[in-house]
Protein backbone atom coordinates (compact mmCIF):
# COMPACT_ATOMS: atom_id res chain seq x y z
CA MET A 1 -0.41 -7.47 16.38
CA MET A 2 -1.84 -8.43 12.27
CA LYS A 3 -1.02 -9.14 8.72
CA VAL A 4 -1.40 -7.67 5.66
CA LYS A 5 -1.26 -8.20 2.16
CA VAL A 6 -0.07 -5.82 0.08
CA LYS A 7 0.34 -5.98 -4.07
CA LEU A 8 1.79 -2.69 -6.26
CA PHE A 9 1.30 -1.89 -9.63
CA SER A 10 3.49 -0.12 -13.11
CA VAL A 11 5.81 2.29 -11.08
CA LEU A 12 4.91 1.65 -8.05
CA ARG A 13 6.07 -2.32 -8.20
CA ASP A 14 8.93 -1.22 -9.82
CA ALA A 15 10.42 0.84 -7.53
CA ALA A 16 9.70 -1.54 -4.75
CA GLY A 17 11.65 -4.86 -6.73
CA VAL A 18 8.28 -6.67 -5.77
CA LYS A 19 4.62 -7.36 -6.68
CA GLU A 20 3.61 -8.25 -3.39
CA ALA A 21 4.27 -8.28 0.34
CA LEU A 22 2.72 -9.06 3.47
CA VAL A 23 3.06 -6.45 6.41
CA GLU A 24 3.04 -6.85 10.07
CA LEU A 25 0.85 -4.13 11.90
CA ARG A 26 -0.02 -3.01 15.10
CA ASP A 27 -3.72 -4.52 15.64
CA GLY A 28 -5.98 -1.37 14.04
CA ALA A 29 -3.64 0.32 12.51
CA LYS A 30 -4.57 2.74 9.84
CA VAL A 31 -3.73 3.20 6.04
CA SER A 32 -1.23 5.51 7.09
CA GLU A 33 0.50 3.93 9.48
CA LEU A 34 0.52 0.75 5.82
CA LEU A 35 2.19 3.78 3.88
CA GLU A 36 5.05 4.93 6.02
CA GLU A 37 5.67 1.33 6.80
CA LEU A 38 6.61 1.02 3.24
CA TYR A 39 8.38 4.05 2.69
CA SER A 40 10.77 2.43 5.34
CA ARG A 41 10.79 -0.72 3.17
CA TRP A 42 10.92 1.47 -0.32
CA PRO A 43 12.10 4.60 -0.45
CA LYS A 44 11.04 5.34 -3.82
CA LEU A 45 7.73 4.70 -2.63
CA ARG A 46 7.56 7.98 -1.43
CA ASP A 47 8.43 9.86 -4.63
CA GLU A 48 5.26 8.27 -5.62
CA LYS A 49 2.08 11.34 -6.13
CA ASP A 50 -1.30 10.15 -5.32
CA VAL A 51 -1.14 7.29 -5.62
CA ILE A 52 -4.76 4.95 -5.36
CA VAL A 53 -5.48 2.81 -2.06
CA LEU A 54 -7.94 0.64 -2.71
CA VAL A 55 -8.73 -1.98 0.37
CA ASN A 56 -10.40 -5.40 -0.44
CA GLY A 57 -11.15 -3.83 -3.41
CA LYS A 58 -13.01 -0.82 -2.26
CA PRO A 59 -10.89 3.55 -2.23
CA SER A 60 -9.92 4.29 0.91
CA SER A 61 -7.38 6.94 2.99
CA SER A 62 -8.25 6.98 6.75
CA LEU A 63 -9.69 3.27 6.77
CA GLU A 64 -8.84 0.92 9.41
CA LEU A 65 -7.32 -2.41 8.50
CA LYS A 66 -7.41 -5.98 9.61
CA GLU A 67 -5.38 -9.61 9.99
CA GLY A 68 -6.25 -10.45 6.53
CA ASP A 69 -6.67 -7.46 4.48
CA GLU A 70 -5.11 -7.37 0.82
CA VAL A 71 -4.32 -3.54 -0.08
CA ALA A 72 -3.76 -2.68 -3.28
CA LEU A 73 -1.17 0.45 -4.30
CA ILE A 74 -1.86 2.22 -7.27
CA PRO A 75 -0.30 5.06 -9.18
CA PRO A 76 -1.94 7.15 -10.86
CA VAL A 77 -3.00 6.65 -15.00
CA SER A 78 -2.56 8.56 -17.14
CA GLY A 79 -2.05 9.28 -20.88
CA GLY A 80 -3.58 12.05 -23.80
């Protein structure tokens, strides 16, 4: 098992009620598995579409995670 740190921003932080979480996953888990774990903890996160996923500061949605990785979930930016 491994642990990764997740940072949530803006409406995602509001939906989860936390700004950071330490998540334990099986070794070699992918970002998609992390997202499913987060959705099971905080179902309201699933309502947010087109979330930007950064792993250690780099865009990624299919990367295999490693112990100690830092994953940032950022909602899409909109404005006018």
